[in-house]
Structure formats: structure tokens, C-alpha cells
Amino acid sequence: MTTLLDRKTTKQKHKTKMYNRGAWKYAIPAFLPLFVLSVVPLSQAIWTAFTDEAAGFNVKVKFIGFDNFRRLLTDSMFWASFKIGIIWAVSVTLLSLFLGFGLALLLNQKLRFLGLMRVLSLVPWAMPPVIVAIMWNLLLRPTSGPIEGIFAFFHIPGGKTDWLGEFNTAFPTVILIGAWVAMPIITVSILAAIQGIPTDMIEATVLDGANAWQRFRYITVPTVREITAALVALNIIWQFSSFGLVYVLTAGGPGGKTFVPALFAYNEAFKYGHFGYAASMGVVMAMSIGLMLAVYLKASKREKAQR
């Protein structure tokens, strides 16, 4: 009896092993592009960070160890851009969350042209960041832009302001545009969570005499809390590493007010030709993003354990 049971167990283990081998064969086409487009460039960038690689023909590349990182520790301009990147990421995330949450609540109501409104809410997400930046550059022109014309028509002061070119307005303006771009994905995610609330639960609270604020506080907020936490964490990571939108809007100006870390590393690599030094910046940014992700995953795991 025991021998028969052992044979069955052995046969089952053999089948499972064969199944796993077959599954890996089907997974290779999915993992191959990930390996070629992500793992290989990342490995190359890490290696470059420990060399003195620079632009030019027939330039000898030497391994210099941690010299680039030691130089980076004393580079006040990079750490200033790092601070700007953190402020940018947090500000864009919180503002887009506030606007996206409000828009999701609005789109959950029974309104006229609701379908059209939902489609229009996705426009910023559907447009490439470069096109968005060009569009806003045209809209915000201080002498010929439509926004300047609106200010002049309603006699609002400040119509001639160069919103993307002045020290006091450039960074807040870029944050507003970044929040506008990030808002649709938050809106769609929160709207889906809200629409997943059982109708019976809402009807029961209405019968119990709960007003709109109480339904929002005790039903809507707890329902969307988990998806909101994920959106905040992922958006901070995405925004911290953003490049295209800020580059086309201001190229880091005026006076470095919008110089995010990715833009600083780009200039070091392709403007000054310091590939090794720029790669060390990329490694530091990747480690920072990894740390943010680890903190989020740990907090998420702790919250699930407490439930």
C-alpha cells in the first residue's frame, strides 16, 4: 500500500516537473524582450557608472571604481535637482489625486453627456507628453497665446506673464501641467473602485438616514483607500523619473528652477559627454526608486497583515 502511494507521489512530482518545464518554454517569448530591453541596458548602465566613459572616437574606457559616486556626493547641483525632483513628484501626485478624486465623484453621477465627459477626461492620458508640452507652450505664450487673450478679455491682471519663463511661476506651472497629465489614470482607477461598491450597501445607508458626507466618509473612502495608496506610491515613482514633459516645457529653466534629476543626467550624458558620471546618477535614481517601492510594498504588506 505504501509502495503504491509512493509511486503515485513520484509520478505526480514528475508530471509537475514536466509541466513547469513546458510552462517556461511558453514564457520565454514574454521574458526575452524584457531581458533585452530592460535587464541588459540596466546592467550596461551599472557597469558604465564604474568607468570614465566619455563621448568621442577611440576614447579608452577605464574602470575607476567608486570615483563617479564620490564626485556625485559633493555635486551640490545634482542634489539640488534631486530635491526639485522630490518636490515635483510629491506635488504632482497629491494635486492629481485631489483633482482625479473629485472628477471621479463627478463622473459617477447621472449627468447629461456623461459618456462624452468620460472620454474627454482621458484626453491628457491619451496624448504623448511631448505633444502635451508643445500644446501648453502654445497656450501659455505671453504675447500671442489663447490664455493671454482670455486674461485680456476679462481684464484679469497678469495676462502678459511668461508662465514658463519666470522664476516665480515656472515650477508651479509645470506642476499644474504634470497634474493635468497624471489625473486621468487616477480618475479611471478611483471611478472603477467607486462603481464596485454594492448598490445594496448604499441603499441600506440611505435608509438608515446617512447623508451624502457620511456615505462618502464611511463607504466611499474605505472602499478606495487601497487603490488610492497604490496610485500615490506608483505616481510618485513615475513622476520622480519623468523627463519628456519637463524637458519640452522648460528644459530645466529658468535658472535651474525645474531641473529634475533625469534632466540633469541627460545633460551630463548628451550635452557634456560624461557618460560614466551620468550613469552613476542613473544608478542613484534607480536605487532611490527601488527604495520607494520597497517602502510601499512593506507598508502594504503590514496593512494586509493587520486586516
C-alpha atoms as a PDB file:
ATOM      1  CA  MET A   1       0.000   0.000   0.000  1.00  0.00           C
ATOM      2  CA  THR A   2       2.795   2.382   0.975  1.00  0.00           C
ATOM      3  CA  THR A   3       4.771   1.477  -2.160  1.00  0.00           C
ATOM      4  CA  LEU A   4       1.759   2.212  -4.364  1.00  0.00           C
ATOM      5  CA  LEU A   5       1.276   5.571  -2.659  1.00  0.00           C
ATOM      6  CA  ASP A   6       4.965   6.417  -3.116  1.00  0.00           C
ATOM      7  CA  ARG A   7       4.730   5.553  -6.815  1.00  0.00           C
ATOM      8  CA  LYS A   8       1.719   7.826  -7.242  1.00  0.00           C
ATOM      9  CA  THR A   9       3.515  10.666  -5.433  1.00  0.00           C
ATOM     10  CA  THR A  10       6.644  10.204  -7.561  1.00  0.00           C
ATOM     11  CA  LYS A  11       4.578  10.144 -10.753  1.00  0.00           C
ATOM     12  CA  GLN A  12       2.732  13.307  -9.682  1.00  0.00           C
ATOM     13  CA  LYS A  13       6.029  15.085  -8.942  1.00  0.00           C
ATOM     14  CA  HIS A  14       7.361  14.032 -12.359  1.00  0.00           C
ATOM     15  CA  LYS A  15       4.235  15.404 -14.085  1.00  0.00           C
ATOM     16  CA  THR A  16       4.530  18.696 -12.180  1.00  0.00           C
ATOM     17  CA  LYS A  17       8.200  18.996 -13.146  1.00  0.00           C
ATOM     18  CA  MET A  18       7.420  18.334 -16.822  1.00  0.00           C
ATOM     19  CA  TYR A  19       4.569  20.852 -16.685  1.00  0.00           C
ATOM     20  CA  ASN A  20       6.879  23.525 -15.225  1.00  0.00           C
ATOM     21  CA  ARG A  21       9.422  22.881 -17.969  1.00  0.00           C
ATOM     22  CA  GLY A  22       6.740  23.268 -20.612  1.00  0.00           C
ATOM     23  CA  ALA A  23       5.448  26.458 -18.985  1.00  0.00           C
ATOM     24  CA  TRP A  24       8.925  28.022 -19.091  1.00  0.00           C
ATOM     25  CA  LYS A  25       9.109  27.377 -22.839  1.00  0.00           C
ATOM     26  CA  TYR A  26       5.925  29.376 -23.370  1.00  0.00           C
ATOM     27  CA  ALA A  27       7.120  32.143 -21.036  1.00  0.00           C
ATOM     28  CA  ILE A  28      10.404  32.721 -22.876  1.00  0.00           C
ATOM     29  CA  PRO A  29       8.853  34.914 -25.652  1.00  0.00           C
ATOM     30  CA  ALA A  30       7.434  37.185 -22.955  1.00  0.00           C
ATOM     31  CA  PHE A  31      10.647  37.359 -20.906  1.00  0.00           C
ATOM     32  CA  LEU A  32      13.021  37.784 -23.861  1.00  0.00           C
ATOM     33  CA  PRO A  33      12.001  41.392 -24.735  1.00  0.00           C
ATOM     34  CA  LEU A  34      12.061  42.235 -21.011  1.00  0.00           C
ATOM     35  CA  PHE A  35      15.594  40.861 -20.752  1.00  0.00           C
ATOM     36  CA  VAL A  36      16.853  42.572 -23.923  1.00  0.00           C
ATOM     37  CA  LEU A  37      15.179  45.949 -23.325  1.00  0.00           C
ATOM     38  CA  SER A  38      15.471  46.193 -19.524  1.00  0.00           C
ATOM     39  CA  VAL A  39      17.981  43.846 -17.907  1.00  0.00           C
ATOM     40  CA  VAL A  40      20.756  44.278 -20.486  1.00  0.00           C
ATOM     41  CA  PRO A  41      20.617  48.138 -20.622  1.00  0.00           C
ATOM     42  CA  LEU A  42      20.407  48.311 -16.823  1.00  0.00           C
ATOM     43  CA  SER A  43      23.436  46.043 -16.442  1.00  0.00           C
ATOM     44  CA  GLN A  44      25.341  48.110 -19.007  1.00  0.00           C
ATOM     45  CA  ALA A  45      24.425  51.345 -17.184  1.00  0.00           C
ATOM     46  CA  ILE A  46      25.621  49.936 -13.844  1.00  0.00           C
ATOM     47  CA  TRP A  47      28.925  48.899 -15.417  1.00  0.00           C
ATOM     48  CA  THR A  48      29.321  52.322 -17.105  1.00  0.00           C
ATOM     49  CA  ALA A  49      28.822  54.042 -13.736  1.00  0.00           C
ATOM     50  CA  PHE A  50      32.102  52.499 -12.560  1.00  0.00           C
ATOM     51  CA  THR A  51      34.074  53.711 -15.597  1.00  0.00           C
ATOM     52  CA  ASP A  52      35.270  57.038 -17.023  1.00  0.00           C
ATOM     53  CA  GLU A  53      33.448  56.525 -20.330  1.00  0.00           C
ATOM     54  CA  ALA A  54      33.034  59.794 -22.266  1.00  0.00           C
ATOM     55  CA  ALA A  55      31.942  60.958 -25.716  1.00  0.00           C
ATOM     56  CA  GLY A  56      34.457  60.804 -28.554  1.00  0.00           C
ATOM     57  CA  PHE A  57      36.099  58.485 -31.071  1.00  0.00           C
ATOM     58  CA  ASN A  58      38.662  55.879 -29.983  1.00  0.00           C
ATOM     59  CA  VAL A  59      38.406  57.009 -26.349  1.00  0.00           C
ATOM     60  CA  LYS A  60      39.855  54.459 -23.946  1.00  0.00           C
ATOM     61  CA  VAL A  61      37.485  53.463 -21.160  1.00  0.00           C
ATOM     62  CA  LYS A  62      38.993  52.744 -17.745  1.00  0.00           C
ATOM     63  CA  PHE A  63      37.470  51.162 -14.672  1.00  0.00           C
ATOM     64  CA  ILE A  64      37.618  53.806 -11.906  1.00  0.00           C
ATOM     65  CA  GLY A  65      35.637  52.127  -9.145  1.00  0.00           C
ATOM     66  CA  PHE A  66      33.541  54.444  -6.992  1.00  0.00           C
ATOM     67  CA  ASP A  67      35.129  57.712  -8.229  1.00  0.00           C
ATOM     68  CA  ASN A  68      31.939  58.831 -10.003  1.00  0.00           C
ATOM     69  CA  PHE A  69      29.880  58.217  -6.870  1.00  0.00           C
ATOM     70  CA  ARG A  70      32.382  60.083  -4.677  1.00  0.00           C
ATOM     71  CA  ARG A  71      32.188  63.012  -7.068  1.00  0.00           C
ATOM     72  CA  LEU A  72      28.405  62.786  -7.020  1.00  0.00           C
ATOM     73  CA  LEU A  73      28.315  63.088  -3.221  1.00  0.00           C
ATOM     74  CA  THR A  74      29.875  66.572  -3.453  1.00  0.00           C
ATOM     75  CA  ASP A  75      27.878  67.729  -6.506  1.00  0.00           C
ATOM     76  CA  SER A  76      25.537  70.312  -4.988  1.00  0.00           C
ATOM     77  CA  MET A  77      23.787  70.906  -8.329  1.00  0.00           C
ATOM     78  CA  PHE A  78      22.747  67.271  -8.622  1.00  0.00           C
ATOM     79  CA  TRP A  79      21.386  67.173  -5.063  1.00  0.00           C
ATOM     80  CA  ALA A  80      19.540  70.427  -5.735  1.00  0.00           C
ATOM     81  CA  SER A  81      17.930  68.743  -8.759  1.00  0.00           C
ATOM     82  CA  PHE A  82      17.204  65.696  -6.551  1.00  0.00           C
ATOM     83  CA  LYS A  83      15.327  67.945  -4.134  1.00  0.00           C
ATOM     84  CA  ILE A  84      13.421  69.536  -7.027  1.00  0.00           C
ATOM     85  CA  GLY A  85      12.545  66.041  -8.283  1.00  0.00           C
ATOM     86  CA  ILE A  86      11.094  65.015  -4.908  1.00  0.00           C
ATOM     87  CA  ILE A  87       9.048  68.229  -4.632  1.00  0.00           C
ATOM     88  CA  TRP A  88       7.866  67.770  -8.219  1.00  0.00           C
ATOM     89  CA  ALA A  89       6.869  64.108  -7.711  1.00  0.00           C
ATOM     90  CA  VAL A  90       5.012  64.671  -4.428  1.00  0.00           C
ATOM     91  CA  SER A  91       3.273  67.867  -5.591  1.00  0.00           C
ATOM     92  CA  VAL A  92       2.108  66.413  -8.909  1.00  0.00           C
ATOM     93  CA  THR A  93       0.905  63.216  -7.211  1.00  0.00           C
ATOM     94  CA  LEU A  94      -1.092  64.934  -4.466  1.00  0.00           C
ATOM     95  CA  LEU A  95      -2.606  67.543  -6.794  1.00  0.00           C
ATOM     96  CA  SER A  96      -3.558  64.957  -9.431  1.00  0.00           C
ATOM     97  CA  LEU A  97      -5.031  62.755  -6.677  1.00  0.00           C
ATOM     98  CA  PHE A  98      -7.186  65.614  -5.383  1.00  0.00           C
ATOM     99  CA  LEU A  99      -8.373  66.587  -8.882  1.00  0.00           C
ATOM    100  CA  GLY A 100      -8.785  62.980 -10.046  1.00  0.00           C
ATOM    101  CA  PHE A 101     -10.800  62.034  -6.956  1.00  0.00           C
ATOM    102  CA  GLY A 102     -13.140  64.981  -7.455  1.00  0.00           C
ATOM    103  CA  LEU A 103     -13.572  64.218 -11.153  1.00  0.00           C
ATOM    104  CA  ALA A 104     -14.264  60.542 -10.391  1.00  0.00           C
ATOM    105  CA  LEU A 105     -17.023  61.533  -7.947  1.00  0.00           C
ATOM    106  CA  LEU A 106     -18.479  63.855 -10.596  1.00  0.00           C
ATOM    107  CA  LEU A 107     -18.381  61.200 -13.340  1.00  0.00           C
ATOM    108  CA  ASN A 108     -20.146  58.766 -11.001  1.00  0.00           C
ATOM    109  CA  GLN A 109     -23.235  60.974 -11.012  1.00  0.00           C
ATOM    110  CA  LYS A 110     -26.096  60.754 -13.511  1.00  0.00           C
ATOM    111  CA  LEU A 111     -25.272  63.690 -15.765  1.00  0.00           C
ATOM    112  CA  ARG A 112     -26.087  64.654 -19.329  1.00  0.00           C
ATOM    113  CA  PHE A 113     -23.402  63.804 -21.881  1.00  0.00           C
ATOM    114  CA  LEU A 114     -21.744  61.560 -19.290  1.00  0.00           C
ATOM    115  CA  GLY A 115     -20.177  59.357 -21.971  1.00  0.00           C
ATOM    116  CA  LEU A 116     -18.605  62.360 -23.697  1.00  0.00           C
ATOM    117  CA  MET A 117     -17.317  63.704 -20.393  1.00  0.00           C
ATOM    118  CA  ARG A 118     -15.667  60.375 -19.589  1.00  0.00           C
ATOM    119  CA  VAL A 119     -13.971  60.299 -22.986  1.00  0.00           C
ATOM    120  CA  LEU A 120     -12.734  63.888 -22.597  1.00  0.00           C
ATOM    121  CA  SER A 121     -11.339  63.084 -19.150  1.00  0.00           C
ATOM    122  CA  LEU A 122      -8.967  60.597 -20.802  1.00  0.00           C
ATOM    123  CA  VAL A 123      -7.555  63.063 -23.344  1.00  0.00           C
ATOM    124  CA  PRO A 124      -4.468  64.096 -21.278  1.00  0.00           C
ATOM    125  CA  TRP A 125      -3.549  60.432 -20.781  1.00  0.00           C
ATOM    126  CA  ALA A 126      -4.036  59.564 -24.467  1.00  0.00           C
ATOM    127  CA  MET A 127      -1.722  62.338 -25.684  1.00  0.00           C
ATOM    128  CA  PRO A 128       2.086  61.821 -25.720  1.00  0.00           C
ATOM    129  CA  PRO A 129       3.904  64.011 -23.129  1.00  0.00           C
ATOM    130  CA  VAL A 130       5.828  65.831 -25.877  1.00  0.00           C
ATOM    131  CA  ILE A 131       2.591  66.834 -27.636  1.00  0.00           C
ATOM    132  CA  VAL A 132       1.111  67.961 -24.306  1.00  0.00           C
ATOM    133  CA  ALA A 133       4.178  70.108 -23.627  1.00  0.00           C
ATOM    134  CA  ILE A 134       4.078  71.713 -27.095  1.00  0.00           C
ATOM    135  CA  MET A 135       0.354  72.395 -26.725  1.00  0.00           C
ATOM    136  CA  TRP A 136       0.797  74.091 -23.326  1.00  0.00           C
ATOM    137  CA  ASN A 137       3.748  76.092 -24.628  1.00  0.00           C
ATOM    138  CA  LEU A 138       1.496  77.481 -27.347  1.00  0.00           C
ATOM    139  CA  LEU A 139      -1.379  78.128 -24.931  1.00  0.00           C
ATOM    140  CA  LEU A 140       0.830  79.958 -22.413  1.00  0.00           C
ATOM    141  CA  ARG A 141       2.681  82.254 -24.796  1.00  0.00           C
ATOM    142  CA  PRO A 142       2.795  85.655 -23.071  1.00  0.00           C
ATOM    143  CA  THR A 143       2.141  87.677 -26.234  1.00  0.00           C
ATOM    144  CA  SER A 144       0.043  85.522 -28.543  1.00  0.00           C
ATOM    145  CA  GLY A 145      -1.326  82.607 -26.509  1.00  0.00           C
ATOM    146  CA  PRO A 146      -5.071  81.993 -26.037  1.00  0.00           C
ATOM    147  CA  ILE A 147      -4.737  82.189 -22.243  1.00  0.00           C
ATOM    148  CA  GLU A 148      -3.276  85.693 -22.552  1.00  0.00           C
ATOM    149  CA  GLY A 149      -6.267  86.604 -24.726  1.00  0.00           C
ATOM    150  CA  ILE A 150      -8.707  85.288 -22.089  1.00  0.00           C
ATOM    151  CA  PHE A 151      -6.974  87.326 -19.383  1.00  0.00           C
ATOM    152  CA  ALA A 152      -7.170  90.440 -21.566  1.00  0.00           C
ATOM    153  CA  PHE A 153     -10.851  89.875 -22.466  1.00  0.00           C
ATOM    154  CA  PHE A 154     -11.911  89.606 -18.808  1.00  0.00           C
ATOM    155  CA  HIS A 155      -9.449  92.326 -17.710  1.00  0.00           C
ATOM    156  CA  ILE A 156      -7.639  89.948 -15.371  1.00  0.00           C
ATOM    157  CA  PRO A 157      -4.194  91.197 -14.328  1.00  0.00           C
ATOM    158  CA  GLY A 158      -1.168  89.059 -15.162  1.00  0.00           C
ATOM    159  CA  GLY A 159      -2.101  88.216 -18.729  1.00  0.00           C
ATOM    160  CA  LYS A 160       1.361  89.135 -20.041  1.00  0.00           C
ATOM    161  CA  THR A 161       3.106  86.825 -17.558  1.00  0.00           C
ATOM    162  CA  ASP A 162       5.601  84.383 -19.044  1.00  0.00           C
ATOM    163  CA  TRP A 163       4.313  81.452 -17.018  1.00  0.00           C
ATOM    164  CA  LEU A 164       7.069  79.063 -18.110  1.00  0.00           C
ATOM    165  CA  GLY A 165       9.863  81.614 -18.245  1.00  0.00           C
ATOM    166  CA  GLU A 166       9.743  83.486 -14.928  1.00  0.00           C
ATOM    167  CA  PHE A 167      11.367  82.322 -11.700  1.00  0.00           C
ATOM    168  CA  ASN A 168       8.231  82.570  -9.542  1.00  0.00           C
ATOM    169  CA  THR A 169       5.787  80.923 -11.937  1.00  0.00           C
ATOM    170  CA  ALA A 170       7.731  78.306 -13.930  1.00  0.00           C
ATOM    171  CA  PHE A 171       7.814  75.493 -11.369  1.00  0.00           C
ATOM    172  CA  PRO A 172       4.182  75.854 -10.156  1.00  0.00           C
ATOM    173  CA  THR A 173       3.009  75.980 -13.786  1.00  0.00           C
ATOM    174  CA  VAL A 174       4.920  72.818 -14.689  1.00  0.00           C
ATOM    175  CA  ILE A 175       3.444  71.090 -11.605  1.00  0.00           C
ATOM    176  CA  LEU A 176      -0.081  72.041 -12.691  1.00  0.00           C
ATOM    177  CA  ILE A 177       0.522  70.683 -16.191  1.00  0.00           C
ATOM    178  CA  GLY A 178       2.040  67.496 -14.753  1.00  0.00           C
ATOM    179  CA  ALA A 179      -1.011  67.011 -12.522  1.00  0.00           C
ATOM    180  CA  TRP A 180      -3.305  67.523 -15.528  1.00  0.00           C
ATOM    181  CA  VAL A 181      -1.437  64.769 -17.386  1.00  0.00           C
ATOM    182  CA  ALA A 182      -1.444  62.364 -14.406  1.00  0.00           C
ATOM    183  CA  MET A 183      -5.102  62.955 -13.488  1.00  0.00           C
ATOM    184  CA  PRO A 184      -6.875  60.598 -15.975  1.00  0.00           C
ATOM    185  CA  ILE A 185      -5.343  57.339 -14.729  1.00  0.00           C
ATOM    186  CA  ILE A 186      -6.259  58.294 -11.153  1.00  0.00           C
ATOM    187  CA  THR A 187      -9.771  59.274 -12.218  1.00  0.00           C
ATOM    188  CA  VAL A 188     -10.390  55.995 -14.066  1.00  0.00           C
ATOM    189  CA  SER A 189      -8.979  53.847 -11.238  1.00  0.00           C
ATOM    190  CA  ILE A 190     -10.955  55.561  -8.475  1.00  0.00           C
ATOM    191  CA  LEU A 191     -14.120  55.648 -10.599  1.00  0.00           C
ATOM    192  CA  ALA A 192     -13.839  51.880 -11.130  1.00  0.00           C
ATOM    193  CA  ALA A 193     -13.427  51.359  -7.369  1.00  0.00           C
ATOM    194  CA  ILE A 194     -16.429  53.566  -6.590  1.00  0.00           C
ATOM    195  CA  GLN A 195     -18.615  51.761  -9.106  1.00  0.00           C
ATOM    196  CA  GLY A 196     -17.623  48.483  -7.474  1.00  0.00           C
ATOM    197  CA  ILE A 197     -19.430  49.477  -4.264  1.00  0.00           C
ATOM    198  CA  PRO A 198     -22.533  47.249  -3.898  1.00  0.00           C
ATOM    199  CA  THR A 199     -25.783  49.111  -4.534  1.00  0.00           C
ATOM    200  CA  ASP A 200     -27.400  47.308  -1.584  1.00  0.00           C
ATOM    201  CA  MET A 201     -24.858  48.832   0.790  1.00  0.00           C
ATOM    202  CA  ILE A 202     -25.564  52.360  -0.439  1.00  0.00           C
ATOM    203  CA  GLU A 203     -29.331  51.847  -0.273  1.00  0.00           C
ATOM    204  CA  ALA A 204     -29.036  50.486   3.272  1.00  0.00           C
ATOM    205  CA  THR A 205     -27.122  53.556   4.463  1.00  0.00           C
ATOM    206  CA  VAL A 206     -29.686  55.854   2.815  1.00  0.00           C
ATOM    207  CA  LEU A 207     -32.500  54.023   4.647  1.00  0.00           C
ATOM    208  CA  ASP A 208     -30.544  54.405   7.888  1.00  0.00           C
ATOM    209  CA  GLY A 209     -30.568  58.174   7.363  1.00  0.00           C
ATOM    210  CA  ALA A 210     -26.950  58.723   6.305  1.00  0.00           C
ATOM    211  CA  ASN A 211     -26.366  61.950   4.379  1.00  0.00           C
ATOM    212  CA  ALA A 212     -24.015  62.397   1.404  1.00  0.00           C
ATOM    213  CA  TRP A 213     -20.990  63.308   3.562  1.00  0.00           C
ATOM    214  CA  GLN A 214     -21.486  60.283   5.825  1.00  0.00           C
ATOM    215  CA  ARG A 215     -21.795  57.948   2.819  1.00  0.00           C
ATOM    216  CA  PHE A 216     -18.589  59.449   1.393  1.00  0.00           C
ATOM    217  CA  ARG A 217     -16.699  59.164   4.688  1.00  0.00           C
ATOM    218  CA  TYR A 218     -17.794  55.712   5.812  1.00  0.00           C
ATOM    219  CA  ILE A 219     -18.312  53.897   2.487  1.00  0.00           C
ATOM    220  CA  THR A 220     -16.510  55.603  -0.400  1.00  0.00           C
ATOM    221  CA  VAL A 221     -13.246  56.470   1.371  1.00  0.00           C
ATOM    222  CA  PRO A 222     -12.654  52.988   2.919  1.00  0.00           C
ATOM    223  CA  THR A 223     -13.507  51.361  -0.421  1.00  0.00           C
ATOM    224  CA  VAL A 224     -10.960  53.369  -2.436  1.00  0.00           C
ATOM    225  CA  ARG A 225      -8.268  53.533   0.287  1.00  0.00           C
ATOM    226  CA  GLU A 226      -6.260  50.577  -1.009  1.00  0.00           C
ATOM    227  CA  ILE A 227      -6.291  51.659  -4.664  1.00  0.00           C
ATOM    228  CA  THR A 228      -5.508  55.229  -3.602  1.00  0.00           C
ATOM    229  CA  ALA A 229      -2.432  54.117  -1.656  1.00  0.00           C
ATOM    230  CA  ALA A 230      -1.190  52.172  -4.685  1.00  0.00           C
ATOM    231  CA  LEU A 231      -1.818  55.133  -7.009  1.00  0.00           C
ATOM    232  CA  VAL A 232       0.056  57.523  -4.715  1.00  0.00           C
ATOM    233  CA  ALA A 233       3.091  55.233  -4.435  1.00  0.00           C
ATOM    234  CA  LEU A 234       3.283  54.412  -8.141  1.00  0.00           C
ATOM    235  CA  ASN A 235       2.695  58.011  -9.223  1.00  0.00           C
ATOM    236  CA  ILE A 236       5.497  59.301  -7.000  1.00  0.00           C
ATOM    237  CA  ILE A 237       7.833  56.738  -8.581  1.00  0.00           C
ATOM    238  CA  TRP A 238       6.700  57.581 -12.132  1.00  0.00           C
ATOM    239  CA  GLN A 239       6.877  61.322 -11.620  1.00  0.00           C
ATOM    240  CA  PHE A 240      10.291  61.236  -9.962  1.00  0.00           C
ATOM    241  CA  SER A 241      11.777  59.620 -13.072  1.00  0.00           C
ATOM    242  CA  SER A 242       9.832  61.763 -15.575  1.00  0.00           C
ATOM    243  CA  PHE A 243      11.764  63.567 -18.276  1.00  0.00           C
ATOM    244  CA  GLY A 244       9.967  64.344 -21.557  1.00  0.00           C
ATOM    245  CA  LEU A 245       7.287  66.719 -20.274  1.00  0.00           C
ATOM    246  CA  VAL A 246       9.665  68.939 -18.268  1.00  0.00           C
ATOM    247  CA  TYR A 247      12.325  68.872 -20.983  1.00  0.00           C
ATOM    248  CA  VAL A 248       9.996  70.178 -23.688  1.00  0.00           C
ATOM    249  CA  LEU A 249       8.243  72.676 -21.393  1.00  0.00           C
ATOM    250  CA  THR A 250      11.253  74.402 -19.841  1.00  0.00           C
ATOM    251  CA  ALA A 251      14.437  72.342 -20.498  1.00  0.00           C
ATOM    252  CA  GLY A 252      15.178  72.820 -16.786  1.00  0.00           C
ATOM    253  CA  GLY A 253      14.919  76.606 -16.769  1.00  0.00           C
ATOM    254  CA  PRO A 254      14.641  79.310 -15.847  1.00  0.00           C
ATOM    255  CA  GLY A 255      17.850  79.232 -13.834  1.00  0.00           C
ATOM    256  CA  GLY A 256      17.504  75.545 -12.973  1.00  0.00           C
ATOM    257  CA  LYS A 257      14.138  76.029 -11.223  1.00  0.00           C
ATOM    258  CA  THR A 258      12.683  72.958 -12.986  1.00  0.00           C
ATOM    259  CA  PHE A 259      15.886  70.903 -13.216  1.00  0.00           C
ATOM    260  CA  VAL A 260      14.639  67.415 -12.286  1.00  0.00           C
ATOM    261  CA  PRO A 261      17.262  64.633 -11.804  1.00  0.00           C
ATOM    262  CA  ALA A 262      16.547  62.851 -15.110  1.00  0.00           C
ATOM    263  CA  LEU A 263      17.115  66.101 -16.979  1.00  0.00           C
ATOM    264  CA  PHE A 264      20.364  66.727 -15.084  1.00  0.00           C
ATOM    265  CA  ALA A 265      21.645  63.230 -16.001  1.00  0.00           C
ATOM    266  CA  TYR A 266      20.575  63.742 -19.624  1.00  0.00           C
ATOM    267  CA  ASN A 267      22.588  66.962 -19.885  1.00  0.00           C
ATOM    268  CA  GLU A 268      25.657  65.349 -18.336  1.00  0.00           C
ATOM    269  CA  ALA A 269      25.483  62.496 -20.848  1.00  0.00           C
ATOM    270  CA  PHE A 270      24.425  64.127 -24.127  1.00  0.00           C
ATOM    271  CA  LYS A 271      25.381  67.769 -23.648  1.00  0.00           C
ATOM    272  CA  TYR A 272      28.725  67.379 -21.890  1.00  0.00           C
ATOM    273  CA  GLY A 273      29.531  63.785 -22.919  1.00  0.00           C
ATOM    274  CA  HIS A 274      30.206  62.452 -19.407  1.00  0.00           C
ATOM    275  CA  PHE A 275      28.594  59.040 -19.873  1.00  0.00           C
ATOM    276  CA  GLY A 276      30.158  57.397 -16.821  1.00  0.00           C
ATOM    277  CA  TYR A 277      29.197  60.224 -14.487  1.00  0.00           C
ATOM    278  CA  ALA A 278      25.665  60.378 -15.919  1.00  0.00           C
ATOM    279  CA  ALA A 279      25.318  56.620 -15.467  1.00  0.00           C
ATOM    280  CA  SER A 280      26.214  56.970 -11.771  1.00  0.00           C
ATOM    281  CA  MET A 281      23.356  59.485 -11.463  1.00  0.00           C
ATOM    282  CA  GLY A 282      21.040  56.967 -13.098  1.00  0.00           C
ATOM    283  CA  VAL A 283      22.133  54.272 -10.634  1.00  0.00           C
ATOM    284  CA  VAL A 284      21.442  56.578  -7.664  1.00  0.00           C
ATOM    285  CA  MET A 285      17.997  57.409  -9.092  1.00  0.00           C
ATOM    286  CA  ALA A 286      17.225  53.718  -9.685  1.00  0.00           C
ATOM    287  CA  MET A 287      18.243  52.893  -6.102  1.00  0.00           C
ATOM    288  CA  SER A 288      16.019  55.706  -4.802  1.00  0.00           C
ATOM    289  CA  ILE A 289      13.063  54.423  -6.821  1.00  0.00           C
ATOM    290  CA  GLY A 290      13.736  50.891  -5.595  1.00  0.00           C
ATOM    291  CA  LEU A 291      13.778  52.164  -2.012  1.00  0.00           C
ATOM    292  CA  MET A 292      10.443  53.962  -2.526  1.00  0.00           C
ATOM    293  CA  LEU A 293       8.946  50.770  -3.971  1.00  0.00           C
ATOM    294  CA  ALA A 294      10.292  48.672  -1.085  1.00  0.00           C
ATOM    295  CA  VAL A 295       8.796  51.066   1.482  1.00  0.00           C
ATOM    296  CA  TYR A 296       5.418  50.914  -0.280  1.00  0.00           C
ATOM    297  CA  LEU A 297       5.439  47.105  -0.516  1.00  0.00           C
ATOM    298  CA  LYS A 298       6.402  46.757   3.147  1.00  0.00           C
ATOM    299  CA  ALA A 299       3.669  49.183   4.234  1.00  0.00           C
ATOM    300  CA  SER A 300       1.146  47.404   2.027  1.00  0.00           C
ATOM    301  CA  LYS A 301       2.132  44.006   3.451  1.00  0.00           C
ATOM    302  CA  ARG A 302       1.854  45.332   7.021  1.00  0.00           C
ATOM    303  CA  GLU A 303      -1.609  46.777   6.336  1.00  0.00           C
ATOM    304  CA  LYS A 304      -2.839  43.467   4.871  1.00  0.00           C
ATOM    305  CA  ALA A 305      -1.448  41.589   7.888  1.00  0.00           C
ATOM    306  CA  GLN A 306      -3.315  43.899  10.270  1.00  0.00           C
ATOM    307  CA  ARG A 307      -6.580  43.160   8.500  1.00  0.00           C
END
